[in-house]
C-alpha atoms as a PDB file:
ATOM      1  CA  MET A   1      -0.007  -0.004  -0.010  1.00  0.00           C
ATOM      2  CA  PRO A   2       1.510   3.406  -0.956  1.00  0.00           C
ATOM      3  CA  ALA A   3       2.102   6.178   1.570  1.00  0.00           C
ATOM      4  CA  ASN A   4      -1.027   8.199   2.101  1.00  0.00           C
ATOM      5  CA  GLN A   5      -1.197  11.437   0.086  1.00  0.00           C
ATOM      6  CA  LEU A   6      -4.480  12.678   1.384  1.00  0.00           C
ATOM      7  CA  THR A   7      -4.212  15.059   4.295  1.00  0.00           C
ATOM      8  CA  ASP A   8      -6.549  17.918   5.009  1.00  0.00           C
ATOM      9  CA  ARG A   9      -5.837  21.464   6.274  1.00  0.00           C
ATOM     10  CA  PHE A  10      -6.319  20.294   9.936  1.00  0.00           C
ATOM     11  CA  GLY A  11      -3.704  17.507   9.733  1.00  0.00           C
ATOM     12  CA  ARG A  12      -6.205  14.663   9.498  1.00  0.00           C
ATOM     13  CA  THR A  13      -5.246  11.814   7.190  1.00  0.00           C
ATOM     14  CA  VAL A  14      -8.016  10.497   4.956  1.00  0.00           C
ATOM     15  CA  ASN A  15      -7.661   6.765   4.404  1.00  0.00           C
ATOM     16  CA  TYR A  16     -11.293   5.640   4.307  1.00  0.00           C
ATOM     17  CA  VAL A  17     -13.773   6.198   1.442  1.00  0.00           C
ATOM     18  CA  ARG A  18     -17.447   5.357   1.217  1.00  0.00           C
ATOM     19  CA  LEU A  19     -18.600   4.854  -2.339  1.00  0.00           C
ATOM     20  CA  SER A  20     -22.323   5.020  -3.133  1.00  0.00           C
ATOM     21  CA  VAL A  21     -23.228   2.697  -5.962  1.00  0.00           C
ATOM     22  CA  THR A  22     -26.876   3.647  -6.275  1.00  0.00           C
ATOM     23  CA  ASP A  23     -29.467   6.148  -4.881  1.00  0.00           C
ATOM     24  CA  ARG A  24     -32.161   3.468  -5.332  1.00  0.00           C
ATOM     25  CA  CYS A  25     -33.403   1.199  -2.627  1.00  0.00           C
ATOM     26  CA  ASP A  26     -36.125  -1.531  -2.164  1.00  0.00           C
ATOM     27  CA  PHE A  27     -36.943  -0.054   1.148  1.00  0.00           C
ATOM     28  CA  ARG A  28     -38.278   3.502   2.027  1.00  0.00           C
ATOM     29  CA  CYS A  29     -37.095   3.980   5.542  1.00  0.00           C
ATOM     30  CA  VAL A  30     -38.659   6.980   7.229  1.00  0.00           C
ATOM     31  CA  TYR A  31     -35.399   8.523   8.396  1.00  0.00           C
ATOM     32  CA  CYS A  32     -33.636   8.073   5.017  1.00  0.00           C
ATOM     33  CA  MET A  33     -35.965   9.113   2.181  1.00  0.00           C
ATOM     34  CA  ALA A  34     -39.407  10.310   1.272  1.00  0.00           C
ATOM     35  CA  GLU A  35     -42.117   7.790   0.475  1.00  0.00           C
ATOM     36  CA  GLU A  36     -42.279   8.976  -3.094  1.00  0.00           C
ATOM     37  CA  MET A  37     -38.766   9.479  -4.287  1.00  0.00           C
ATOM     38  CA  VAL A  38     -37.512  10.871  -7.591  1.00  0.00           C
ATOM     39  CA  PHE A  39     -34.306   9.029  -8.477  1.00  0.00           C
ATOM     40  CA  LEU A  40     -31.463  10.114 -10.715  1.00  0.00           C
ATOM     41  CA  PRO A  41     -31.552   9.428 -14.437  1.00  0.00           C
ATOM     42  CA  ARG A  42     -29.013   6.826 -15.597  1.00  0.00           C
ATOM     43  CA  SER A  43     -26.920   9.462 -17.462  1.00  0.00           C
ATOM     44  CA  GLN A  44     -26.192  11.278 -14.198  1.00  0.00           C
ATOM     45  CA  ILE A  45     -24.937   8.359 -12.223  1.00  0.00           C
ATOM     46  CA  LEU A  46     -21.444   6.853 -12.403  1.00  0.00           C
ATOM     47  CA  SER A  47     -21.061   3.632 -14.306  1.00  0.00           C
ATOM     48  CA  LEU A  48     -19.611   0.655 -12.395  1.00  0.00           C
ATOM     49  CA  GLU A  49     -16.416   1.125 -14.383  1.00  0.00           C
ATOM     50  CA  GLU A  50     -16.207   4.741 -13.263  1.00  0.00           C
ATOM     51  CA  ILE A  51     -16.855   3.760  -9.692  1.00  0.00           C
ATOM     52  CA  ALA A  52     -14.053   1.191  -9.888  1.00  0.00           C
ATOM     53  CA  ARG A  53     -11.726   3.814 -11.446  1.00  0.00           C
ATOM     54  CA  VAL A  54     -12.497   6.139  -8.481  1.00  0.00           C
ATOM     55  CA  ALA A  55     -11.799   3.347  -5.983  1.00  0.00           C
ATOM     56  CA  ARG A  56      -8.511   2.338  -7.775  1.00  0.00           C
ATOM     57  CA  ASN A  57      -7.187   5.809  -7.683  1.00  0.00           C
ATOM     58  CA  PHE A  58      -8.095   6.351  -4.025  1.00  0.00           C
ATOM     59  CA  VAL A  59      -6.170   3.210  -3.290  1.00  0.00           C
ATOM     60  CA  ASP A  60      -3.263   4.590  -5.299  1.00  0.00           C
ATOM     61  CA  LEU A  61      -3.367   7.582  -2.967  1.00  0.00           C
ATOM     62  CA  GLY A  62      -3.182   5.535   0.189  1.00  0.00           C
ATOM     63  CA  THR A  63      -6.739   4.559   0.899  1.00  0.00           C
ATOM     64  CA  GLU A  64      -6.857   1.417   3.126  1.00  0.00           C
ATOM     65  CA  LYS A  65     -10.582   1.060   3.682  1.00  0.00           C
ATOM     66  CA  ILE A  66     -13.529   1.235   1.209  1.00  0.00           C
ATOM     67  CA  ARG A  67     -17.205   0.797   2.026  1.00  0.00           C
ATOM     68  CA  LEU A  68     -19.867   0.367  -0.643  1.00  0.00           C
ATOM     69  CA  THR A  69     -23.113   2.032   0.218  1.00  0.00           C
ATOM     70  CA  GLY A  70     -26.390   3.287  -1.426  1.00  0.00           C
ATOM     71  CA  GLY A  71     -29.262   3.506  -1.359  1.00  0.00           C
ATOM     72  CA  GLU A  72     -29.247  -0.306  -1.201  1.00  0.00           C
ATOM     73  CA  PRO A  73     -26.014  -1.301  -3.015  1.00  0.00           C
ATOM     74  CA  LEU A  74     -27.234  -4.792  -3.794  1.00  0.00           C
ATOM     75  CA  VAL A  75     -30.145  -3.627  -6.050  1.00  0.00           C
ATOM     76  CA  ARG A  76     -27.592  -2.246  -8.570  1.00  0.00           C
ATOM     77  CA  LYS A  77     -27.293  -4.597 -11.553  1.00  0.00           C
ATOM     78  CA  GLY A  78     -23.778  -5.825 -11.864  1.00  0.00           C
ATOM     79  CA  VAL A  79     -22.696  -4.924  -8.341  1.00  0.00           C
ATOM     80  CA  LEU A  80     -21.047  -8.263  -7.839  1.00  0.00           C
ATOM     81  CA  ASP A  81     -18.658  -7.499 -10.708  1.00  0.00           C
ATOM     82  CA  LEU A  82     -17.730  -4.263  -8.925  1.00  0.00           C
ATOM     83  CA  VAL A  83     -17.197  -6.159  -5.637  1.00  0.00           C
ATOM     84  CA  ARG A  84     -14.895  -8.625  -7.477  1.00  0.00           C
ATOM     85  CA  GLU A  85     -12.958  -5.773  -8.991  1.00  0.00           C
ATOM     86  CA  ILE A  86     -12.438  -3.769  -5.827  1.00  0.00           C
ATOM     87  CA  GLY A  87     -11.829  -6.980  -3.885  1.00  0.00           C
ATOM     88  CA  SER A  88      -8.719  -7.417  -5.926  1.00  0.00           C
ATOM     89  CA  TYR A  89      -7.141  -4.092  -4.816  1.00  0.00           C
ATOM     90  CA  GLY A  90      -5.525  -5.471  -1.652  1.00  0.00           C
ATOM     91  CA  LEU A  91      -7.477  -3.311   0.799  1.00  0.00           C
ATOM     92  CA  ARG A  92      -6.998  -3.754   4.545  1.00  0.00           C
ATOM     93  CA  ASP A  93     -10.808  -3.489   4.944  1.00  0.00           C
ATOM     94  CA  PHE A  94     -13.458  -3.868   2.315  1.00  0.00           C
ATOM     95  CA  ALA A  95     -16.997  -3.458   3.606  1.00  0.00           C
ATOM     96  CA  MET A  96     -20.610  -2.887   2.614  1.00  0.00           C
ATOM     97  CA  THR A  97     -23.645  -1.350   4.258  1.00  0.00           C
ATOM     98  CA  THR A  98     -26.911  -3.129   3.272  1.00  0.00           C
ATOM     99  CA  ASN A  99     -30.531  -3.503   4.369  1.00  0.00           C
ATOM    100  CA  GLY A 100     -30.032  -7.245   4.121  1.00  0.00           C
ATOM    101  CA  SER A 101     -32.922  -7.959   1.823  1.00  0.00           C
ATOM    102  CA  GLN A 102     -30.809  -9.370  -0.915  1.00  0.00           C
ATOM    103  CA  LEU A 103     -28.354 -11.329   1.251  1.00  0.00           C
ATOM    104  CA  PRO A 104     -30.189 -14.663   1.175  1.00  0.00           C
ATOM    105  CA  GLU A 105     -29.326 -14.942  -2.541  1.00  0.00           C
ATOM    106  CA  MET A 106     -26.013 -12.919  -2.655  1.00  0.00           C
ATOM    107  CA  ALA A 107     -24.133 -13.353   0.679  1.00  0.00           C
ATOM    108  CA  ASP A 108     -21.907 -16.277  -0.597  1.00  0.00           C
ATOM    109  CA  GLU A 109     -20.908 -14.548  -3.873  1.00  0.00           C
ATOM    110  CA  LEU A 110     -20.128 -11.293  -2.002  1.00  0.00           C
ATOM    111  CA  ARG A 111     -17.780 -13.134   0.310  1.00  0.00           C
ATOM    112  CA  ARG A 112     -16.114 -15.004  -2.397  1.00  0.00           C
ATOM    113  CA  GLY A 113     -15.798 -11.759  -4.349  1.00  0.00           C
ATOM    114  CA  GLY A 114     -13.519 -10.300  -1.682  1.00  0.00           C
ATOM    115  CA  LEU A 115     -15.821  -8.412   0.607  1.00  0.00           C
ATOM    116  CA  HIS A 116     -14.638  -8.617   4.176  1.00  0.00           C
ATOM    117  CA  ARG A 117     -17.402  -7.193   6.313  1.00  0.00           C
ATOM    118  CA  LEU A 118     -21.116  -6.327   6.331  1.00  0.00           C
ATOM    119  CA  ASN A 119     -23.121  -3.696   8.184  1.00  0.00           C
ATOM    120  CA  ILE A 120     -26.753  -4.730   8.117  1.00  0.00           C
ATOM    121  CA  SER A 121     -29.542  -2.332   9.170  1.00  0.00           C
ATOM    122  CA  LEU A 122     -32.013  -3.693  11.692  1.00  0.00           C
ATOM    123  CA  ASP A 123     -34.327  -1.124  13.308  1.00  0.00           C
ATOM    124  CA  SER A 124     -36.876  -3.475  14.803  1.00  0.00           C
ATOM    125  CA  LEU A 125     -37.553  -7.083  15.609  1.00  0.00           C
ATOM    126  CA  ASP A 126     -41.320  -6.519  15.398  1.00  0.00           C
ATOM    127  CA  ALA A 127     -42.597  -7.397  11.946  1.00  0.00           C
ATOM    128  CA  ASP A 128     -45.322  -4.759  11.942  1.00  0.00           C
ATOM    129  CA  LYS A 129     -43.071  -2.044  13.359  1.00  0.00           C
ATOM    130  CA  PHE A 130     -40.287  -2.994  10.949  1.00  0.00           C
ATOM    131  CA  HIS A 131     -42.689  -2.592   8.096  1.00  0.00           C
ATOM    132  CA  ARG A 132     -43.830   0.852   9.339  1.00  0.00           C
ATOM    133  CA  ILE A 133     -40.237   2.023   9.646  1.00  0.00           C
ATOM    134  CA  THR A 134     -39.133   0.687   6.349  1.00  0.00           C
ATOM    135  CA  ARG A 135     -42.478   1.160   4.579  1.00  0.00           C
ATOM    136  CA  THR A 136     -41.842  -1.743   2.226  1.00  0.00           C
ATOM    137  CA  GLY A 137     -39.486  -4.137   4.038  1.00  0.00           C
ATOM    138  CA  LYS A 138     -40.121  -7.618   5.320  1.00  0.00           C
ATOM    139  CA  LEU A 139     -38.460  -8.510   8.654  1.00  0.00           C
ATOM    140  CA  SER A 140     -38.231 -12.226   7.849  1.00  0.00           C
ATOM    141  CA  GLN A 141     -36.357 -11.522   4.622  1.00  0.00           C
ATOM    142  CA  VAL A 142     -33.740  -9.478   6.600  1.00  0.00           C
ATOM    143  CA  LEU A 143     -33.482 -12.070   9.314  1.00  0.00           C
ATOM    144  CA  ASP A 144     -32.812 -14.694   6.661  1.00  0.00           C
ATOM    145  CA  GLY A 145     -30.241 -12.384   5.125  1.00  0.00           C
ATOM    146  CA  ILE A 146     -28.478 -12.057   8.525  1.00  0.00           C
ATOM    147  CA  GLU A 147     -28.294 -15.870   8.786  1.00  0.00           C
ATOM    148  CA  ALA A 148     -26.971 -16.211   5.181  1.00  0.00           C
ATOM    149  CA  ALA A 149     -24.215 -13.707   6.035  1.00  0.00           C
ATOM    150  CA  ARG A 150     -23.293 -15.620   9.141  1.00  0.00           C
ATOM    151  CA  GLU A 151     -23.101 -18.803   7.210  1.00  0.00           C
ATOM    152  CA  ALA A 152     -21.020 -17.197   4.364  1.00  0.00           C
ATOM    153  CA  GLY A 153     -18.197 -16.591   6.807  1.00  0.00           C
ATOM    154  CA  PHE A 154     -17.542 -12.793   6.619  1.00  0.00           C
ATOM    155  CA  ARG A 155     -14.720 -11.443   8.750  1.00  0.00           C
ATOM    156  CA  GLY A 156     -17.194  -9.269  10.501  1.00  0.00           C
ATOM    157  CA  ILE A 157     -20.970  -8.551  10.568  1.00  0.00           C
ATOM    158  CA  LYS A 158     -22.465  -5.608  12.498  1.00  0.00           C
ATOM    159  CA  LEU A 159     -26.004  -4.675  12.997  1.00  0.00           C
ATOM    160  CA  ASN A 160     -26.980  -0.929  12.720  1.00  0.00           C
ATOM    161  CA  THR A 161     -30.033   0.535  14.431  1.00  0.00           C
ATOM    162  CA  VAL A 162     -31.266   4.054  14.124  1.00  0.00           C
ATOM    163  CA  VAL A 163     -33.027   4.784  17.453  1.00  0.00           C
ATOM    164  CA  MET A 164     -36.110   6.959  17.396  1.00  0.00           C
ATOM    165  CA  LYS A 165     -38.337   7.842  20.419  1.00  0.00           C
ATOM    166  CA  GLY A 166     -41.848   6.758  19.933  1.00  0.00           C
ATOM    167  CA  ARG A 167     -40.821   4.260  17.206  1.00  0.00           C
ATOM    168  CA  ASN A 168     -38.248   1.683  18.343  1.00  0.00           C
ATOM    169  CA  ASP A 169     -36.518   2.978  21.475  1.00  0.00           C
ATOM    170  CA  VAL A 170     -38.342   0.459  23.643  1.00  0.00           C
ATOM    171  CA  GLU A 171     -36.757  -2.344  21.610  1.00  0.00           C
ATOM    172  CA  VAL A 172     -33.212  -1.518  22.574  1.00  0.00           C
ATOM    173  CA  PRO A 173     -33.087  -4.336  25.216  1.00  0.00           C
ATOM    174  CA  GLU A 174     -34.471  -6.906  22.790  1.00  0.00           C
ATOM    175  CA  LEU A 175     -31.973  -5.812  20.040  1.00  0.00           C
ATOM    176  CA  ILE A 176     -29.148  -6.200  22.551  1.00  0.00           C
ATOM    177  CA  GLU A 177     -30.245  -9.732  23.319  1.00  0.00           C
ATOM    178  CA  PHE A 178     -30.622 -10.577  19.698  1.00  0.00           C
ATOM    179  CA  ALA A 179     -27.073  -9.367  19.078  1.00  0.00           C
ATOM    180  CA  ARG A 180     -25.742 -11.395  21.971  1.00  0.00           C
ATOM    181  CA  LYS A 181     -27.542 -14.508  20.848  1.00  0.00           C
ATOM    182  CA  LYS A 182     -26.236 -14.208  17.238  1.00  0.00           C
ATOM    183  CA  GLN A 183     -22.771 -13.096  18.420  1.00  0.00           C
ATOM    184  CA  LEU A 184     -22.919  -9.966  16.347  1.00  0.00           C
ATOM    185  CA  ASP A 185     -21.697  -6.441  17.116  1.00  0.00           C
ATOM    186  CA  ILE A 186     -24.410  -3.794  17.113  1.00  0.00           C
ATOM    187  CA  THR A 187     -24.310   0.019  16.790  1.00  0.00           C
ATOM    188  CA  PHE A 188     -26.984   2.408  17.824  1.00  0.00           C
ATOM    189  CA  ILE A 189     -27.196   5.542  15.774  1.00  0.00           C
ATOM    190  CA  GLU A 190     -28.723   8.937  16.495  1.00  0.00           C
ATOM    191  CA  GLU A 191     -30.996  10.052  13.580  1.00  0.00           C
ATOM    192  CA  MET A 192     -29.113  12.475  11.275  1.00  0.00           C
ATOM    193  CA  PRO A 193     -31.027  15.554   9.963  1.00  0.00           C
ATOM    194  CA  LEU A 194     -30.568  14.839   6.269  1.00  0.00           C
ATOM    195  CA  GLY A 195     -33.475  15.623   3.955  1.00  0.00           C
ATOM    196  CA  GLU A 196     -36.935  16.918   4.735  1.00  0.00           C
ATOM    197  CA  ILE A 197     -39.254  14.233   6.228  1.00  0.00           C
ATOM    198  CA  SER A 198     -42.875  14.370   7.259  1.00  0.00           C
ATOM    199  CA  GLU A 199     -43.340  11.159   9.324  1.00  0.00           C
ATOM    200  CA  HIS A 200     -42.083  12.517  12.596  1.00  0.00           C
ATOM    201  CA  ASP A 201     -40.441  15.521  14.254  1.00  0.00           C
ATOM    202  CA  ARG A 202     -36.764  14.716  14.421  1.00  0.00           C
ATOM    203  CA  GLY A 203     -36.224  16.988  17.396  1.00  0.00           C
ATOM    204  CA  LEU A 204     -38.786  15.106  19.409  1.00  0.00           C
ATOM    205  CA  ALA A 205     -37.687  11.656  18.104  1.00  0.00           C
ATOM    206  CA  LEU A 206     -34.079  12.130  18.855  1.00  0.00           C
ATOM    207  CA  CYS A 207     -32.878   9.485  21.293  1.00  0.00           C
ATOM    208  CA  THR A 208     -29.344  10.294  22.336  1.00  0.00           C
ATOM    209  CA  SER A 209     -26.579   7.813  22.747  1.00  0.00           C
ATOM    210  CA  ALA A 210     -26.471   8.525  26.448  1.00  0.00           C
ATOM    211  CA  GLU A 211     -30.183   7.631  26.731  1.00  0.00           C
ATOM    212  CA  VAL A 212     -29.561   4.366  24.888  1.00  0.00           C
ATOM    213  CA  ARG A 213     -26.599   3.526  27.117  1.00  0.00           C
ATOM    214  CA  ASP A 214     -28.736   4.166  30.224  1.00  0.00           C
ATOM    215  CA  ILE A 215     -31.353   1.713  28.844  1.00  0.00           C
ATOM    216  CA  ILE A 216     -28.748  -1.018  28.238  1.00  0.00           C
ATOM    217  CA  ARG A 217     -27.107  -0.457  31.655  1.00  0.00           C
ATOM    218  CA  GLN A 218     -30.370  -1.487  33.318  1.00  0.00           C
ATOM    219  CA  ARG A 219     -29.437  -5.044  32.290  1.00  0.00           C
ATOM    220  CA  HIS A 220     -25.797  -5.071  31.289  1.00  0.00           C
ATOM    221  CA  GLU A 221     -22.614  -3.358  32.358  1.00  0.00           C
ATOM    222  CA  LEU A 222     -20.973  -1.424  29.591  1.00  0.00           C
ATOM    223  CA  ILE A 223     -17.188  -1.058  29.631  1.00  0.00           C
ATOM    224  CA  PRO A 224     -15.462   1.327  27.160  1.00  0.00           C
ATOM    225  CA  ALA A 225     -13.499  -0.639  24.555  1.00  0.00           C
ATOM    226  CA  THR A 226      -9.960   0.362  23.925  1.00  0.00           C
ATOM    227  CA  GLU A 227      -9.717  -0.475  20.216  1.00  0.00           C
ATOM    228  CA  ASP A 228     -10.398   2.068  17.498  1.00  0.00           C
ATOM    229  CA  SER A 229     -12.542   0.970  14.492  1.00  0.00           C
ATOM    230  CA  GLY A 230     -11.343   3.824  12.386  1.00  0.00           C
ATOM    231  CA  GLY A 231     -14.925   5.035  12.041  1.00  0.00           C
ATOM    232  CA  PRO A 232     -17.221   7.420  13.989  1.00  0.00           C
ATOM    233  CA  ALA A 233     -18.504   4.815  16.445  1.00  0.00           C
ATOM    234  CA  ARG A 234     -17.464   4.646  20.060  1.00  0.00           C
ATOM    235  CA  TYR A 235     -17.527   1.050  21.281  1.00  0.00           C
ATOM    236  CA  TYR A 236     -18.237  -0.661  24.587  1.00  0.00           C
ATOM    237  CA  ARG A 237     -18.072  -4.300  25.709  1.00  0.00           C
ATOM    238  CA  MET A 238     -20.121  -6.335  28.114  1.00  0.00           C
ATOM    239  CA  PRO A 239     -18.223  -8.458  30.672  1.00  0.00           C
ATOM    240  CA  ASP A 240     -20.042 -11.614  29.757  1.00  0.00           C
ATOM    241  CA  SER A 241     -20.034 -11.393  25.971  1.00  0.00           C
ATOM    242  CA  PRO A 242     -17.620 -10.781  23.085  1.00  0.00           C
ATOM    243  CA  VAL A 243     -20.246  -8.534  21.380  1.00  0.00           C
ATOM    244  CA  ARG A 244     -19.278  -4.873  20.952  1.00  0.00           C
ATOM    245  CA  VAL A 245     -21.953  -2.276  21.330  1.00  0.00           C
ATOM    246  CA  GLY A 246     -21.207   0.917  19.400  1.00  0.00           C
ATOM    247  CA  PHE A 247     -22.705   4.439  19.463  1.00  0.00           C
ATOM    248  CA  ILE A 248     -22.710   6.948  16.601  1.00  0.00           C
ATOM    249  CA  SER A 249     -23.555  10.316  18.074  1.00  0.00           C
ATOM    250  CA  PRO A 250     -23.509  13.172  15.514  1.00  0.00           C
ATOM    251  CA  HIS A 251     -25.633  15.335  17.774  1.00  0.00           C
ATOM    252  CA  SER A 252     -24.432  14.592  21.270  1.00  0.00           C
ATOM    253  CA  HIS A 253     -20.776  13.748  20.702  1.00  0.00           C
ATOM    254  CA  ASN A 254     -18.973  15.505  17.923  1.00  0.00           C
ATOM    255  CA  PHE A 255     -16.539  13.073  16.304  1.00  0.00           C
ATOM    256  CA  CYS A 256     -14.998  15.408  13.702  1.00  0.00           C
ATOM    257  CA  ASP A 257     -11.508  15.800  15.238  1.00  0.00           C
ATOM    258  CA  THR A 258     -10.609  12.220  14.197  1.00  0.00           C
ATOM    259  CA  CYS A 259     -12.516  12.134  10.880  1.00  0.00           C
ATOM    260  CA  ASN A 260     -10.587  10.085   8.386  1.00  0.00           C
ATOM    261  CA  ARG A 261     -13.205   9.570   5.741  1.00  0.00           C
ATOM    262  CA  VAL A 262     -14.879  11.060   2.635  1.00  0.00           C
ATOM    263  CA  ARG A 263     -17.877  10.015   0.566  1.00  0.00           C
ATOM    264  CA  VAL A 264     -18.406   9.836  -3.145  1.00  0.00           C
ATOM    265  CA  THR A 265     -22.068   9.988  -4.194  1.00  0.00           C
ATOM    266  CA  VAL A 266     -23.382   7.957  -7.128  1.00  0.00           C
ATOM    267  CA  GLU A 267     -23.354  11.166  -9.121  1.00  0.00           C
ATOM    268  CA  GLY A 268     -19.686  11.385  -8.570  1.00  0.00           C
ATOM    269  CA  ARG A 269     -19.661  14.260  -6.056  1.00  0.00           C
ATOM    270  CA  LEU A 270     -16.768  13.902  -3.628  1.00  0.00           C
ATOM    271  CA  LEU A 271     -18.365  14.913  -0.279  1.00  0.00           C
ATOM    272  CA  LEU A 272     -15.758  16.062   2.228  1.00  0.00           C
ATOM    273  CA  CYS A 273     -18.148  16.030   5.165  1.00  0.00           C
ATOM    274  CA  LEU A 274     -21.489  14.248   5.871  1.00  0.00           C
ATOM    275  CA  GLY A 275     -22.851  17.397   7.474  1.00  0.00           C
ATOM    276  CA  ASN A 276     -21.707  20.022   4.963  1.00  0.00           C
ATOM    277  CA  GLU A 277     -22.038  20.626   1.209  1.00  0.00           C
ATOM    278  CA  HIS A 278     -18.400  21.041   0.512  1.00  0.00           C
ATOM    279  CA  SER A 279     -17.634  18.855  -2.518  1.00  0.00           C
ATOM    280  CA  MET A 280     -15.853  18.365  -5.790  1.00  0.00           C
ATOM    281  CA  ASP A 281     -17.361  17.069  -8.997  1.00  0.00           C
ATOM    282  CA  LEU A 282     -15.362  13.946  -9.887  1.00  0.00           C
ATOM    283  CA  ARG A 283     -17.783  12.919 -12.663  1.00  0.00           C
ATOM    284  CA  GLU A 284     -16.770  15.945 -14.685  1.00  0.00           C
ATOM    285  CA  VAL A 285     -13.088  14.896 -14.375  1.00  0.00           C
ATOM    286  CA  LEU A 286     -13.839  11.204 -15.070  1.00  0.00           C
ATOM    287  CA  ARG A 287     -15.777  12.019 -18.284  1.00  0.00           C
ATOM    288  CA  GLU A 288     -13.631  14.922 -19.535  1.00  0.00           C
ATOM    289  CA  PHE A 289     -10.334  12.940 -19.108  1.00  0.00           C
ATOM    290  CA  PRO A 290     -11.429   9.239 -19.364  1.00  0.00           C
ATOM    291  CA  GLY A 291      -7.879   7.975 -19.829  1.00  0.00           C
ATOM    292  CA  ASP A 292      -5.981  10.365 -17.521  1.00  0.00           C
ATOM    293  CA  ASP A 293      -5.855   8.938 -13.926  1.00  0.00           C
ATOM    294  CA  GLU A 294      -3.277  11.685 -13.015  1.00  0.00           C
ATOM    295  CA  LYS A 295      -5.952  14.303 -13.496  1.00  0.00           C
ATOM    296  CA  LEU A 296      -8.338  12.381 -11.273  1.00  0.00           C
ATOM    297  CA  ARG A 297      -5.786  11.942  -8.590  1.00  0.00           C
ATOM    298  CA  GLN A 298      -4.901  15.636  -8.578  1.00  0.00           C
ATOM    299  CA  ALA A 299      -8.582  16.545  -8.281  1.00  0.00           C
ATOM    300  CA  ILE A 300      -8.943  14.215  -5.232  1.00  0.00           C
ATOM    301  CA  ILE A 301      -5.832  15.595  -3.622  1.00  0.00           C
ATOM    302  CA  SER A 302      -6.817  19.320  -4.137  1.00  0.00           C
ATOM    303  CA  ALA A 303     -10.320  18.499  -2.689  1.00  0.00           C
ATOM    304  CA  MET A 304      -8.762  17.753   0.723  1.00  0.00           C
ATOM    305  CA  ASP A 305      -8.464  21.539   1.170  1.00  0.00           C
ATOM    306  CA  LEU A 306     -12.346  21.715   1.057  1.00  0.00           C
ATOM    307  CA  LYS A 307     -12.780  19.335   4.058  1.00  0.00           C
ATOM    308  CA  PRO A 308     -14.204  21.498   6.882  1.00  0.00           C
ATOM    309  CA  GLU A 309     -13.052  21.253  10.505  1.00  0.00           C
ATOM    310  CA  ARG A 310     -16.439  19.954  11.665  1.00  0.00           C
ATOM    311  CA  HIS A 311     -20.126  19.542  10.925  1.00  0.00           C
ATOM    312  CA  HIS A 312     -22.841  21.519  12.734  1.00  0.00           C
ATOM    313  CA  PHE A 313     -25.756  19.165  13.121  1.00  0.00           C
ATOM    314  CA  SER A 314     -28.608  20.657  15.244  1.00  0.00           C
ATOM    315  CA  SER A 315     -29.962  18.728  18.219  1.00  0.00           C
ATOM    316  CA  GLU A 316     -33.283  20.365  17.586  1.00  0.00           C
ATOM    317  CA  GLY A 317     -33.888  18.239  14.450  1.00  0.00           C
ATOM    318  CA  GLU A 318     -33.382  21.168  12.159  1.00  0.00           C
ATOM    319  CA  VAL A 319     -32.427  20.232   8.602  1.00  0.00           C
ATOM    320  CA  GLN A 320     -29.270  21.951   7.354  1.00  0.00           C
ATOM    321  CA  ILE A 321     -28.644  19.442   4.550  1.00  0.00           C
ATOM    322  CA  LEU A 322     -31.525  18.987   2.085  1.00  0.00           C
ATOM    323  CA  ARG A 323     -30.192  15.875   0.358  1.00  0.00           C
ATOM    324  CA  PHE A 324     -31.502  12.562   1.685  1.00  0.00           C
ATOM    325  CA  MET A 325     -29.321   9.917   3.210  1.00  0.00           C
ATOM    326  CA  ASN A 326     -29.813   7.710   0.107  1.00  0.00           C
ATOM    327  CA  MET A 327     -28.355  10.480  -1.998  1.00  0.00           C
ATOM    328  CA  THR A 328     -25.373  10.859   0.318  1.00  0.00           C
ATOM    329  CA  GLY A 329     -24.301   7.290   0.793  1.00  0.00           C
ATOM    330  CA  GLY A 330     -24.572   5.737   4.223  1.00  0.00           C
END
């Protein structure tokens, strides 16, 4: 792996890239997108070959970790070919965030293609509640997907839960017990104010990481873990289980001082921060200079000066970023 060439104005080294492969999804989760979404036309999204080219050049600049995101990455036709391509780049960590719906059929091929780890969204263990949160999802399908992933032998599988008061906060203990039973790590996430939604008031629905920890501590001791995942989560362990419990707290605990990641949207926008609009159009470079990787690398390097010191998410649920999470890449 080459020495990393991506450092921002604040001395932070960027070695982790999240690549969105689609803005489409077979779910319509209430915190992620509107029920009636208008998706991007094909001409505006990067081809799989362009996404692979972006990934390869980030690796050339020292990137050690790539995560494929969406939307739901597994609904994109040909995504397995992309996994196999990026899986050949020798990454220290190659992961994907998925809703799990396609894993019963695809888990084995993803693992054989070189994918190391999976993050699987699971916001409820109640079928009716799960359907209300996802609008279109079937809990049984996702549970089957989790089992398929376990059987496929991934290096790591983690569950992700967005906790919302009045929707699924009462399920925190049950989700912990599910993770312990399945021997899977689990991360609880504060809802992020991305995109205008109408289903609930984000300020009232916000369940902070501290509140979730208090719920868990009624049954289990939580001990801060010493290892660093290289991501935004802060991890804890329970004395009687190998399962790690993580918390992503964009509202209540700013994690910007150690931010080592950037995102590339499916349109080819290089986003330097989840909570700001600072970006560079890589699609323009890709298409204007289709055979010139040096131009692409220089664009990526120069974009590091755009990375802000921190985001400014509001704890009142105020939306500062109008793009939805499916447009951003999870």
